[in-house]
Structures are given as structure tokens and as C-alpha cells.
Amino acid sequence: MFQATRRRLALWYTAVTAVLLLLFASGVYLYVRSTLIERIDDTLNHVVEIVERCLTTSRCASTLIFEPINPDVDKFRINLEASFHDNTDTGEDDHIDLEWFSPTGELLWSTLSEPLNIPIHANRTGETVRVVKGESENSKFLTPNSSLLTQNSPLLLRQVTQRVQVGRQVLGYLRVSHPWFEVTKPSRQLIFDLALGIGLMVLSVGASGWFLSGKAMEPVGESYQRLKQFTADASHELRSPITLIQTNVQVALADLDLAETEATTSMQYRQQLKVVERLTQRLGKLVNDLLFLARQDSGISKDIFSPCPLDALLMEVVEEQELLVPEKEITLSLDLVDPPASETSPELLENWFTLAGNWDQLVRLFTNLIANALHYTPAGGRVKVGLARIEGINRVSGLRYTSAQLQVKVSDTGVGIPPEALPRLFDRFYRVDPARTHTTGNTATASATGSGLGLAIAQAILEHHQGHIQVESIQSIGTTFTVTLPITLES
């Protein structure tokens, strides 16, 4: 239990830390990426501004030289030879390409070796374009940094397009491009570095979380071990005085049978000693139940499983219970579901209802269930015990079985259990309101003295045998307990 809790704490600690690291890494990645994009956009806009400032001079690289077409109406045109003379190396250090388009969108000049064939439109905020195979004549482009892009590699560019005009006359469009790998390359490297860092951090956090959760669970584990030890020791120590009391009472009762005393006094002593004997028996049973549960919880039980024929076991329990309630005239029956006719294996048929388990514990389990059914069934009622083997994949009560199971149903026609009591039915020391037993006549007095450990013990035995139990009940109609046990045989 503590190891499972420790694992959960370490996993939660690691998971929360991993989520926080992922959020932090995502923020860093988005910030760096947006910074790189802003840097490229600023560079492209700066190039456009430089070109615009050099509109009327030939001293600047990438200069646009205007010459009048008709001075009377203030019309101009671009002198491409004068504006872009020997300009093929423009922006080579910054890997920037320039393209000049006519007012109608026709490409007139470019630093690219091949045209991009991308529609022109004004855009000063920057945009990313993707040039794939088939968008140029031979799908090969040579950028100013002399990197050859094969026809299987797409070309990504960041572009800014500026409309150039004098007055109201549009002279053309200037488009400035920058390779997008200046963003993708450092972005990929950043993703790799962040992933590596997060992986190492998660491993470190997982190791430290396991260590810290272990340190945190130490005081809780020590307290729990002390509590278990106290419960086991107290139960063990109480058994001896209770046994002595019971022995002395039995001796006193035997001596009274031989004593020559007054009849009235003898009857009074006998009555008192019988009460003491009954109480000590009840107390001894309670201590034994507590000791059993403490051993099951601590996992120190050394019970050895052996093949147990469940049909013979149930026959024995039913015969014993029939002898205890003859005055109530309750019909107690055992129904064994025979193997199917298609099953012909002699070995399997012989062990059809046999499983590996602890005989004494299984007897205690079904004795508790059948005794409860008889106890809460009024006179003239009936209690039915059914045993069946479930083979292969079956659906019973919404459960799916994928291996052989033995299923035992204990049904009665008793007073039933209120729906609100069903969730707590297997809690220790929990008892349903004794008022529900009024219809059972004299048994109400006996029910009030129950310890409320019977079903808790039944559930502990089932957990020890890898089984489970279900209960269905309708008030004034009856209750059905369904026990399912896996069939495992000792090798």
C-alpha cells in the first residue's frame, strides 16, 4: 500500500513538473520564434526604407532613378539600367533578394537567378510564402548566398512588398525577400535543445520525486506499522485471559453439577455462570475476528493454498447450518449446476468445482454468508445456495470473465437491505439498523449483539483468494450475495 502511494506521489510530482516545463518551453519557443520573425521583418523594411530614401540619387546601391516622360504633366518612368546597374550582388551579405515589378505586376528585374512566379501585392507587414515544385520554369533557384535548392526541396521566403509612386503615379512595386531558413533552422535547434533539456529535467525530477516521496512516507509508514503491531499484539494478548476465564467457568459449572447445595442457589449460580460463559465466547470470537483482519491487512498471513472441492465444502457448511435453525422451519437448499454434456474430459469433470484456496477460510466465508441469510429470513422462508462454473468469456451482472470462474449465489427471502446501506455493507463494525429485524421474532435480540465484522471478514477472505463479491437486495423480498472465485490449481 505504501509503495503504491509512494509511486503515485512520485508520478504526480513528475507529471506536474513536466507540464510546467512544457509550458515554459513553449513560451520560450514562441518568444524566440516571434523575435526572429520580427528581426527579419525589420531588416526587410529597413532595406525598403533605404531604397525609398535613395529615389533621386545614384550613390546608393539598389537606387531607383526616375526620368521624366512628359514634364508638363509630371509623369515619370524608372531607368532600369541606371537604377540597377551591376546590382546582382545587392544584399549578398544579408541574403536579401530584390525584385522590381511594373505597375501591372510584370517582373522587370530580379537578383534571383530564376523568377518565383508569385502574384504581386503590396504588403509592408511581412508574409511567408512557399514556393514548391512547378512554380518556376525548372524548379531550381539560386539564392544570393549560392545555395542550390533542388526540385524536391520547397523554398520558403519571408517577403515585404512596397508600392513605389511619385505623387499619384504608381511607378511599380519593389519586393524584398529573405530566406525563411533563418527562422526554421534556429527554431529546430531550439526545439531539440528544449526537448533534451526537458527530458533530462523530467528524469531528474522523477528520481528526486521518488526519493522525496519515500522520505515523506517514512513517518506515516512507521505510525501505521506501530498501529498494526499494537492491534495484532493486543488481540493476541487478550486471547489468553479470555481462554482462562472460559475454562474456569466451565469447571465451575461442572462442579456445581456435583455439589450438594440448595437447588435455588445452584440455579442462580448456574444462570450467572452461563451468562459469563456466553459473554466470554462472544468476546473471544470478536478478538479472533480482529486478529484475522489484522493479519490479512498486514500481509503476514502464511496460509498455504491447496485444492479445495467447493461443492463438498458447501455441502458441509449447509449440513452444519441446517442443524442450527430447525425451529425456524426455513428451507435451506444447495443447487449444483452440472457440467455441459459436451464436456468429456474425465480429469476436468472430476475437478469441475475445484480451486486452489484455504479450506478453513472458505468455510468461514460461506458460513458467514449462509448464517446471515438464515438469520434475516423469517420462519417459513427459504435460503438457496447455488454453485456454477463459468467457462470462457461470459457476462454476468455486467462483469466480463476471460477465464474459468466458480460462482456461488446465496439467496434468501428475508427482510432485505435498505439501498442506502448497501455501499457501507462491508465496512468494519457497520451494522444496518437492528429495527429491520423486528419481523424475525426472537432473532432480533441476537442480532443486536453482532459485532459487524462478518461481511468485512468475508470480503478480506475473497481479496486473499483474488475473488470479489456483489450484493443485490430488495426490501421485504430478499437478498442475493454473489461470490466469484477464480479457478487456479496448484501445480
Protein backbone atom coordinates (compact mmCIF):
# COMPACT_ATOMS: atom_id res chain seq x y z
CA MET A 1 0.00 0.00 0.00
CA PHE A 2 2.77 2.44 0.93
CA GLN A 3 4.80 1.57 -2.15
CA ALA A 4 1.75 2.26 -4.33
CA THR A 5 1.21 5.59 -2.55
CA ARG A 6 4.87 6.44 -2.98
CA ARG A 7 4.70 5.68 -6.70
CA ARG A 8 1.58 7.83 -7.08
CA LEU A 9 3.24 10.76 -5.29
CA ALA A 10 6.38 10.48 -7.42
CA LEU A 11 4.33 10.20 -10.63
CA TRP A 12 2.18 13.20 -9.72
CA TYR A 13 5.24 15.26 -8.83
CA THR A 14 6.95 14.30 -12.08
CA ALA A 15 3.82 14.89 -14.18
CA VAL A 16 3.15 18.33 -12.72
CA THR A 17 6.78 19.34 -13.19
CA ALA A 18 6.77 18.04 -16.77
CA VAL A 19 3.64 20.06 -17.59
CA LEU A 20 5.20 23.21 -16.11
CA LEU A 21 8.40 22.63 -18.07
CA LEU A 22 6.42 22.11 -21.29
CA LEU A 23 4.53 25.34 -20.73
CA PHE A 24 7.78 27.18 -20.03
CA ALA A 25 9.50 25.66 -23.08
CA SER A 26 6.51 26.53 -25.28
CA GLY A 27 6.65 30.12 -24.07
CA VAL A 28 10.39 30.34 -24.74
CA TYR A 29 9.98 28.80 -28.20
CA LEU A 30 7.15 31.15 -29.19
CA TYR A 31 9.06 34.16 -27.86
CA VAL A 32 12.28 33.29 -29.72
CA ARG A 33 10.42 32.46 -32.93
CA SER A 34 8.43 35.71 -32.85
CA THR A 35 11.66 37.61 -32.15
CA LEU A 36 13.37 36.03 -35.16
CA ILE A 37 10.39 36.88 -37.40
CA GLU A 38 10.31 40.46 -36.14
CA ARG A 39 14.04 40.74 -36.76
CA ILE A 40 13.69 39.59 -40.38
CA ASP A 41 10.68 41.86 -40.96
CA ASP A 42 12.61 44.81 -39.54
CA THR A 43 15.54 44.00 -41.82
CA LEU A 44 13.31 43.81 -44.88
CA ASN A 45 11.51 47.05 -44.02
CA HIS A 46 14.87 48.73 -43.42
CA VAL A 47 16.02 47.71 -46.91
CA VAL A 48 12.80 49.15 -48.37
CA GLU A 49 13.32 52.42 -46.48
CA ILE A 50 16.90 52.70 -47.76
CA VAL A 51 15.74 52.22 -51.34
CA GLU A 52 12.99 54.79 -50.90
CA ARG A 53 15.40 57.36 -49.48
CA CYS A 54 17.68 56.92 -52.49
CA LEU A 55 14.98 57.51 -55.08
CA THR A 56 16.69 60.52 -56.64
CA THR A 57 20.40 59.75 -56.27
CA SER A 58 22.76 57.29 -57.92
CA ARG A 59 25.11 57.00 -54.96
CA CYS A 60 23.21 54.28 -53.19
CA ALA A 61 23.06 50.64 -54.07
CA SER A 62 19.67 49.46 -55.25
CA THR A 63 18.75 53.03 -56.25
CA LEU A 64 15.67 53.86 -58.31
CA ILE A 65 16.46 56.52 -60.95
CA PHE A 66 13.47 58.42 -62.32
CA GLU A 67 13.39 60.25 -65.63
CA PRO A 68 10.51 62.38 -66.87
CA ILE A 69 8.28 61.13 -69.64
CA ASN A 70 6.23 64.33 -70.03
CA PRO A 71 7.43 67.19 -67.77
CA ASP A 72 4.24 69.13 -68.47
CA VAL A 73 2.02 66.51 -66.77
CA ASP A 74 4.58 65.29 -64.16
CA LYS A 75 4.88 61.74 -65.48
CA PHE A 76 7.99 59.65 -64.81
CA ARG A 77 9.46 56.22 -65.51
CA ILE A 78 12.21 54.05 -63.98
CA ASN A 79 15.55 53.87 -65.73
CA LEU A 80 16.36 50.20 -65.02
CA GLU A 81 19.88 50.36 -66.47
CA ALA A 82 20.82 53.35 -64.32
CA SER A 83 18.93 52.22 -61.23
CA PHE A 84 20.11 48.62 -61.06
CA HIS A 85 23.48 48.80 -62.77
CA ASP A 86 25.75 45.93 -61.66
CA ASN A 87 23.44 45.18 -58.77
CA THR A 88 23.43 41.40 -58.78
CA ASP A 89 25.34 41.24 -55.52
CA THR A 90 22.91 43.51 -53.69
CA GLY A 91 22.37 42.35 -50.14
CA GLU A 92 24.55 39.30 -50.60
CA ASP A 93 25.92 39.57 -47.06
CA ASP A 94 22.39 39.65 -45.62
CA HIS A 95 20.97 37.08 -48.07
CA ILE A 96 18.36 39.56 -49.27
CA ASP A 97 16.85 39.43 -52.79
CA LEU A 98 15.23 42.33 -54.63
CA GLU A 99 12.56 42.21 -57.36
CA TRP A 100 11.15 45.08 -59.33
CA PHE A 101 7.70 44.87 -60.93
CA SER A 102 5.89 47.15 -63.34
CA PRO A 103 2.63 48.84 -62.26
CA THR A 104 0.80 45.98 -63.98
CA GLY A 105 2.70 43.34 -61.98
CA GLU A 106 5.21 42.27 -64.65
CA LEU A 107 8.63 41.27 -63.32
CA LEU A 108 11.24 43.63 -64.80
CA TRP A 109 14.36 42.92 -62.72
CA SER A 110 15.42 40.47 -60.02
CA THR A 111 18.51 39.37 -58.09
CA LEU A 112 17.18 35.82 -58.21
CA SER A 113 18.52 33.55 -60.91
CA GLU A 114 15.02 32.27 -61.64
CA PRO A 115 11.64 34.03 -61.24
CA LEU A 116 9.37 32.98 -58.38
CA ASN A 117 6.13 33.44 -60.32
CA ILE A 118 4.31 34.60 -57.17
CA PRO A 119 1.48 37.10 -57.64
CA ILE A 120 2.44 40.62 -56.57
CA HIS A 121 0.51 42.57 -53.93
CA ALA A 122 1.51 45.33 -51.55
CA ASN A 123 2.34 44.13 -48.04
CA ARG A 124 4.51 46.04 -45.56
CA THR A 125 3.81 43.79 -42.55
CA GLY A 126 5.67 40.78 -43.92
CA GLU A 127 4.39 37.43 -45.12
CA THR A 128 5.77 33.92 -45.54
CA VAL A 129 5.44 32.32 -48.97
CA ARG A 130 6.15 28.75 -50.02
CA VAL A 131 7.48 28.01 -53.49
CA VAL A 132 7.14 24.34 -54.42
CA LYS A 133 7.93 22.25 -57.46
CA GLY A 134 6.33 23.52 -60.61
CA GLU A 135 6.08 27.17 -59.63
CA SER A 136 9.07 28.14 -61.74
CA GLU A 137 10.39 27.06 -65.07
CA ASN A 138 12.83 24.41 -63.87
CA SER A 139 12.01 24.46 -60.15
CA LYS A 140 15.57 25.39 -59.24
CA PHE A 141 16.56 28.65 -57.54
CA LEU A 142 19.96 30.04 -56.77
CA THR A 143 19.83 32.46 -53.84
CA PRO A 144 22.44 35.19 -53.34
CA ASN A 145 24.26 33.03 -50.80
CA SER A 146 24.83 30.50 -53.63
CA SER A 147 22.77 27.69 -52.07
CA LEU A 148 21.18 25.46 -54.70
CA LEU A 149 17.63 24.29 -53.95
CA THR A 150 16.79 21.07 -55.70
CA GLN A 151 13.46 20.47 -57.31
CA ASN A 152 12.47 18.21 -54.39
CA SER A 153 13.06 20.96 -51.79
CA PRO A 154 10.42 23.66 -51.26
CA LEU A 155 11.59 27.25 -50.98
CA LEU A 156 10.28 29.31 -48.08
CA LEU A 157 10.71 33.06 -48.17
CA ARG A 158 9.78 35.98 -45.95
CA GLN A 159 8.72 38.90 -48.14
CA VAL A 160 7.84 42.57 -47.87
CA THR A 161 6.31 44.32 -50.91
CA GLN A 162 6.25 48.13 -51.25
CA ARG A 163 4.37 50.13 -53.87
CA VAL A 164 6.63 52.91 -55.31
CA GLN A 165 4.94 56.04 -56.59
CA VAL A 166 5.64 59.70 -57.27
CA GLY A 167 2.69 61.79 -56.39
CA ARG A 168 -0.28 59.81 -57.58
CA GLN A 169 1.63 57.96 -60.28
CA VAL A 170 2.47 54.32 -59.43
CA LEU A 171 5.90 53.55 -60.88
CA GLY A 172 5.99 49.90 -59.85
CA TYR A 173 6.44 47.50 -56.93
CA LEU A 174 9.57 46.64 -55.02
CA ARG A 175 9.59 43.20 -53.34
CA VAL A 176 12.28 42.26 -50.86
CA SER A 177 12.74 38.59 -49.90
CA HIS A 178 14.66 36.84 -47.15
CA PRO A 179 15.22 33.06 -46.80
CA TRP A 180 12.89 31.55 -44.17
CA PHE A 181 15.52 29.05 -43.04
CA GLU A 182 16.95 31.87 -40.92
CA VAL A 183 13.88 31.23 -38.76
CA THR A 184 13.35 27.49 -39.19
CA LYS A 185 16.96 26.44 -38.62
CA PRO A 186 17.41 28.10 -35.20
CA SER A 187 13.82 27.12 -34.33
CA ARG A 188 14.56 23.44 -34.94
CA GLN A 189 17.76 23.68 -32.95
CA LEU A 190 15.88 25.38 -30.14
CA ILE A 191 13.21 22.63 -30.15
CA PHE A 192 15.92 19.97 -29.95
CA ASP A 193 17.71 21.75 -27.12
CA LEU A 194 14.46 22.31 -25.18
CA ALA A 195 13.35 18.69 -25.68
CA LEU A 196 16.71 17.40 -24.50
CA GLY A 197 16.66 19.74 -21.51
CA ILE A 198 13.08 18.81 -20.59
CA GLY A 199 13.85 15.09 -20.89
CA LEU A 200 16.85 15.37 -18.59
CA MET A 201 14.90 17.53 -16.16
CA VAL A 202 11.95 15.11 -16.06
CA LEU A 203 14.30 12.19 -15.34
CA SER A 204 15.97 14.19 -12.60
CA VAL A 205 12.64 15.27 -11.15
CA GLY A 206 11.35 11.68 -11.29
CA ALA A 207 14.37 10.41 -9.36
CA SER A 208 14.21 13.21 -6.80
CA GLY A 209 10.42 12.80 -6.54
CA TRP A 210 10.82 9.10 -5.77
CA PHE A 211 13.41 9.92 -3.10
CA LEU A 212 11.38 12.74 -1.54
CA SER A 213 8.13 10.77 -1.56
CA GLY A 214 9.94 7.96 0.22
CA LYS A 215 11.18 10.36 2.87
CA ALA A 216 7.68 11.82 3.26
CA MET A 217 6.10 8.37 3.65
CA GLU A 218 8.57 7.17 6.28
CA PRO A 219 6.82 8.69 9.34
CA VAL A 220 3.41 7.60 8.03
CA GLY A 221 4.68 4.07 7.46
CA GLU A 222 6.23 3.91 10.91
CA SER A 223 2.98 5.04 12.52
CA TYR A 224 0.98 2.53 10.51
CA GLN A 225 3.36 -0.29 11.41
CA ARG A 226 3.11 0.60 15.09
CA LEU A 227 -0.69 0.63 14.86
CA LYS A 228 -0.77 -2.75 13.14
CA GLN A 229 1.63 -4.19 15.67
CA PHE A 230 -0.45 -2.85 18.55
CA THR A 231 -3.66 -4.32 17.10
CA ALA A 232 -2.08 -7.72 16.50
CA ASP A 233 -0.37 -7.78 19.89
CA ALA A 234 -3.48 -6.65 21.75
CA SER A 235 -5.61 -9.28 20.06
CA HIS A 236 -3.03 -11.96 20.81
CA GLU A 237 -2.63 -10.95 24.45
CA LEU A 238 -6.38 -10.89 25.04
CA ARG A 239 -6.82 -14.45 23.87
CA SER A 240 -5.05 -15.96 26.89
CA PRO A 241 -7.13 -14.39 29.70
CA ILE A 242 -10.33 -14.98 27.76
CA THR A 243 -9.43 -18.65 27.37
CA LEU A 244 -8.70 -18.89 31.11
CA ILE A 245 -12.00 -17.27 32.02
CA GLN A 246 -13.90 -19.61 29.76
CA THR A 247 -12.10 -22.65 31.20
CA ASN A 248 -12.77 -21.62 34.79
CA VAL A 249 -16.45 -21.03 34.07
CA GLN A 250 -16.76 -24.44 32.50
CA VAL A 251 -15.06 -26.07 35.54
CA ALA A 252 -17.32 -24.18 37.93
CA LEU A 253 -20.38 -25.34 36.04
CA ALA A 254 -19.15 -28.93 36.22
CA ASP A 255 -18.51 -28.62 39.94
CA LEU A 256 -21.98 -27.22 40.56
CA ASP A 257 -23.47 -30.33 38.99
CA LEU A 258 -21.83 -32.41 41.72
CA ALA A 259 -22.28 -30.03 44.63
CA GLU A 260 -24.91 -30.82 47.23
CA THR A 261 -26.31 -27.36 47.62
CA GLU A 262 -29.68 -25.83 47.75
CA ALA A 263 -31.48 -26.09 44.46
CA THR A 264 -32.31 -22.39 44.23
CA THR A 265 -28.75 -21.27 44.90
CA SER A 266 -27.43 -23.75 42.39
CA MET A 267 -29.78 -22.46 39.71
CA GLN A 268 -28.78 -18.86 40.37
CA TYR A 269 -25.08 -19.68 40.10
CA ARG A 270 -25.68 -21.73 37.03
CA GLN A 271 -27.61 -18.88 35.38
CA GLN A 272 -24.89 -16.33 36.11
CA LEU A 273 -22.07 -18.55 35.01
CA LYS A 274 -23.86 -19.35 31.76
CA VAL A 275 -24.16 -15.62 31.07
CA VAL A 276 -20.45 -15.17 31.76
CA GLU A 277 -19.62 -18.08 29.51
CA ARG A 278 -21.75 -16.67 26.68
CA LEU A 279 -20.12 -13.26 27.02
CA THR A 280 -16.60 -14.66 27.03
CA GLN A 281 -17.38 -16.72 23.96
CA ARG A 282 -18.63 -13.63 22.20
CA LEU A 283 -15.57 -11.65 23.28
CA GLY A 284 -13.27 -14.44 22.15
CA LYS A 285 -14.92 -14.51 18.74
CA LEU A 286 -14.51 -10.77 18.42
CA VAL A 287 -10.82 -10.94 19.30
CA ASN A 288 -10.30 -13.75 16.81
CA ASP A 289 -12.02 -11.69 14.12
CA LEU A 290 -9.84 -8.67 14.87
CA LEU A 291 -6.70 -10.80 14.81
CA PHE A 292 -7.72 -12.31 11.48
CA LEU A 293 -8.35 -8.90 9.89
CA ALA A 294 -5.09 -7.50 11.29
CA ARG A 295 -3.13 -10.38 9.77
CA GLN A 296 -4.86 -10.00 6.42
CA ASP A 297 -4.21 -6.24 6.34
CA SER A 298 -0.55 -6.63 7.24
CA GLY A 299 0.01 -9.33 4.63
CA ILE A 300 1.76 -11.56 7.17
CA SER A 301 -0.70 -14.39 6.69
CA LYS A 302 1.21 -17.53 5.71
CA ASP A 303 -1.77 -19.53 4.59
CA ILE A 304 -0.91 -22.22 2.04
CA PHE A 305 -3.41 -22.84 -0.72
CA SER A 306 -4.38 -26.36 -1.65
CA PRO A 307 -7.00 -27.88 -3.99
CA CYS A 308 -10.45 -27.32 -2.46
CA PRO A 309 -13.55 -29.00 -3.92
CA LEU A 310 -16.05 -26.21 -3.44
CA ASP A 311 -19.07 -28.49 -3.88
CA ALA A 312 -18.00 -30.69 -0.94
CA LEU A 313 -17.22 -27.62 1.12
CA LEU A 314 -20.67 -26.12 0.55
CA MET A 315 -22.36 -29.43 1.36
CA GLU A 316 -20.54 -29.48 4.71
CA VAL A 317 -21.46 -25.88 5.52
CA VAL A 318 -25.11 -26.37 4.54
CA GLU A 319 -25.40 -29.51 6.69
CA GLU A 320 -23.98 -27.67 9.70
CA GLN A 321 -26.29 -24.69 9.26
CA GLU A 322 -29.36 -26.90 8.89
CA LEU A 323 -28.76 -28.23 12.42
CA LEU A 324 -28.71 -24.72 13.94
CA VAL A 325 -32.13 -23.45 12.78
CA PRO A 326 -34.61 -26.31 12.99
CA GLU A 327 -37.13 -24.28 14.98
CA LYS A 328 -37.45 -21.57 12.29
CA GLU A 329 -38.60 -24.05 9.64
CA ILE A 330 -36.50 -22.41 6.94
CA THR A 331 -35.87 -24.36 3.75
CA LEU A 332 -32.14 -24.47 3.05
CA SER A 333 -31.10 -25.99 -0.28
CA LEU A 334 -27.94 -26.42 -2.32
CA ASP A 335 -28.10 -26.41 -6.13
CA LEU A 336 -25.08 -27.59 -8.16
CA VAL A 337 -25.09 -26.76 -11.87
CA ASP A 338 -23.88 -29.87 -13.72
CA PRO A 339 -21.16 -29.66 -16.40
CA PRO A 340 -22.39 -29.39 -20.00
CA ALA A 341 -22.90 -32.60 -21.94
CA SER A 342 -20.24 -31.53 -24.45
CA GLU A 343 -17.53 -31.74 -21.79
CA THR A 344 -16.00 -35.21 -21.87
CA SER A 345 -12.60 -34.78 -20.22
CA PRO A 346 -12.56 -37.10 -17.16
CA GLU A 347 -9.90 -35.05 -15.36
CA LEU A 348 -11.79 -31.81 -15.88
CA LEU A 349 -15.10 -33.33 -14.85
CA GLU A 350 -13.56 -34.71 -11.68
CA ASN A 351 -12.23 -31.26 -10.73
CA TRP A 352 -15.14 -29.27 -12.13
CA PHE A 353 -15.73 -27.37 -8.86
CA THR A 354 -12.15 -27.50 -7.52
CA LEU A 355 -9.98 -24.44 -6.96
CA ALA A 356 -6.81 -23.56 -5.07
CA GLY A 357 -7.59 -21.96 -1.73
CA ASN A 358 -7.58 -22.16 2.02
CA TRP A 359 -10.23 -24.60 3.19
CA ASP A 360 -10.76 -23.05 6.64
CA GLN A 361 -11.06 -19.53 5.27
CA LEU A 362 -13.52 -20.57 2.58
CA VAL A 363 -15.60 -22.41 5.18
CA ARG A 364 -15.62 -19.26 7.28
CA LEU A 365 -16.60 -17.16 4.25
CA PHE A 366 -19.64 -19.23 3.27
CA THR A 367 -20.63 -19.92 6.88
CA ASN A 368 -20.89 -16.16 7.43
CA LEU A 369 -22.96 -15.63 4.30
CA ILE A 370 -25.34 -18.56 4.86
CA ALA A 371 -25.70 -17.77 8.58
CA ASN A 372 -26.61 -14.18 7.74
CA ALA A 373 -29.17 -15.35 5.21
CA LEU A 374 -30.76 -17.71 7.75
CA HIS A 375 -30.66 -15.09 10.46
CA TYR A 376 -32.56 -12.46 8.49
CA THR A 377 -35.07 -14.84 6.90
CA PRO A 378 -38.36 -15.19 8.78
CA ALA A 379 -39.89 -18.55 9.69
CA GLY A 380 -41.26 -20.38 6.69
CA GLY A 381 -38.85 -18.68 4.30
CA ARG A 382 -36.17 -20.26 2.17
CA VAL A 383 -32.45 -19.86 1.55
CA LYS A 384 -30.94 -21.16 -1.66
CA VAL A 385 -27.25 -21.75 -2.31
CA GLY A 386 -26.20 -22.19 -5.94
CA LEU A 387 -22.81 -23.21 -7.36
CA ALA A 388 -21.89 -22.93 -11.04
CA ARG A 389 -18.75 -22.90 -13.14
CA ILE A 390 -18.34 -20.10 -15.70
CA GLU A 391 -16.23 -21.06 -18.68
CA GLY A 392 -14.64 -18.80 -21.29
CA ILE A 393 -15.94 -15.28 -21.87
CA ASN A 394 -19.27 -14.63 -20.22
CA ARG A 395 -21.14 -11.61 -18.95
CA VAL A 396 -22.71 -11.92 -15.53
CA SER A 397 -24.05 -8.87 -13.67
CA GLY A 398 -22.18 -6.56 -16.03
CA LEU A 399 -18.81 -8.24 -15.43
CA ARG A 400 -16.68 -9.81 -18.18
CA TYR A 401 -14.79 -13.01 -17.41
CA THR A 402 -11.96 -14.24 -19.62
CA SER A 403 -11.09 -17.43 -17.67
CA ALA A 404 -12.83 -20.13 -15.71
CA GLN A 405 -14.60 -18.91 -12.56
CA LEU A 406 -16.66 -20.51 -9.81
CA GLN A 407 -19.75 -18.56 -8.88
CA VAL A 408 -21.68 -19.07 -5.65
CA LYS A 409 -25.03 -17.36 -5.06
CA VAL A 410 -26.62 -17.21 -1.61
CA SER A 411 -30.24 -16.03 -1.98
CA ASP A 412 -32.82 -15.59 0.75
CA THR A 413 -36.41 -14.41 1.13
CA GLY A 414 -35.61 -12.26 4.14
CA VAL A 415 -36.27 -8.67 5.12
CA GLY A 416 -33.78 -7.23 2.62
CA ILE A 417 -31.28 -4.38 2.97
CA PRO A 418 -32.09 -0.67 2.50
CA PRO A 419 -30.44 0.82 -0.63
CA GLU A 420 -28.64 3.49 1.41
CA ALA A 421 -26.94 0.76 3.50
CA LEU A 422 -25.51 -1.21 0.55
CA PRO A 423 -22.39 0.97 -0.03
CA ARG A 424 -21.29 0.52 3.59
CA LEU A 425 -22.33 -3.08 4.00
CA PHE A 426 -18.74 -4.39 4.05
CA ASP A 427 -17.34 -1.70 6.37
CA ARG A 428 -15.96 -2.99 9.64
CA PHE A 429 -18.25 -2.70 12.66
CA TYR A 430 -21.03 -1.38 10.44
CA ARG A 431 -24.46 -2.79 11.20
CA VAL A 432 -27.71 -1.98 9.47
CA ASP A 433 -30.41 -0.58 11.76
CA PRO A 434 -31.46 -3.51 14.02
CA ALA A 435 -35.06 -2.35 13.70
CA ARG A 436 -35.16 -4.11 10.32
CA THR A 437 -35.03 -7.47 12.16
CA HIS A 438 -38.23 -6.99 14.09
CA THR A 439 -40.06 -9.26 11.71
CA THR A 440 -37.78 -12.14 12.60
CA GLY A 441 -39.20 -12.53 16.06
CA ASN A 442 -36.75 -13.72 18.68
CA THR A 443 -33.76 -13.31 16.46
CA ALA A 444 -33.86 -9.56 16.91
CA THR A 445 -32.20 -9.88 20.28
CA ALA A 446 -29.40 -11.94 18.87
CA SER A 447 -28.82 -9.52 16.01
CA ALA A 448 -28.27 -6.65 18.34
CA THR A 449 -25.26 -8.41 19.75
CA GLY A 450 -23.48 -8.85 16.42
CA SER A 451 -20.07 -7.24 16.01
CA GLY A 452 -20.49 -6.11 12.42
CA LEU A 453 -17.31 -7.92 11.28
CA GLY A 454 -18.83 -10.89 9.45
CA LEU A 455 -19.07 -9.33 5.99
CA ALA A 456 -15.78 -7.47 6.43
CA ILE A 457 -14.10 -10.82 7.09
CA ALA A 458 -15.86 -12.33 4.08
CA GLN A 459 -14.53 -9.57 1.85
CA ALA A 460 -11.00 -9.94 3.29
CA ILE A 461 -11.06 -13.68 2.55
CA LEU A 462 -12.20 -13.01 -1.01
CA GLU A 463 -9.44 -10.47 -1.58
CA HIS A 464 -6.96 -13.06 -0.30
CA HIS A 465 -8.34 -15.51 -2.89
CA GLN A 466 -8.41 -12.95 -5.74
CA GLY A 467 -12.20 -13.04 -5.85
CA HIS A 468 -14.98 -10.49 -5.45
CA ILE A 469 -18.49 -10.26 -4.06
CA GLN A 470 -21.65 -8.46 -5.14
CA VAL A 471 -24.91 -7.93 -3.32
CA GLU A 472 -28.41 -7.26 -4.64
CA SER A 473 -31.29 -6.66 -2.28
CA ILE A 474 -34.92 -5.60 -2.36
CA GLN A 475 -36.58 -4.83 0.93
CA SER A 476 -39.30 -7.27 2.02
CA ILE A 477 -38.38 -9.54 -0.91
CA GLY A 478 -34.88 -10.81 -0.25
CA THR A 479 -31.14 -10.50 -0.72
CA THR A 480 -28.65 -12.25 -3.01
CA PHE A 481 -24.90 -12.38 -2.42
CA THR A 482 -22.86 -13.40 -5.48
CA VAL A 483 -19.33 -14.65 -4.87
CA THR A 484 -16.96 -15.18 -7.78
CA LEU A 485 -13.66 -17.03 -7.34
CA PRO A 486 -11.01 -17.72 -10.00
CA ILE A 487 -10.12 -21.34 -10.68
CA THR A 488 -6.40 -21.78 -10.10
CA LEU A 489 -4.97 -25.19 -9.28
CA GLU A 490 -1.66 -25.85 -7.57
CA SER A 491 0.95 -27.27 -9.91
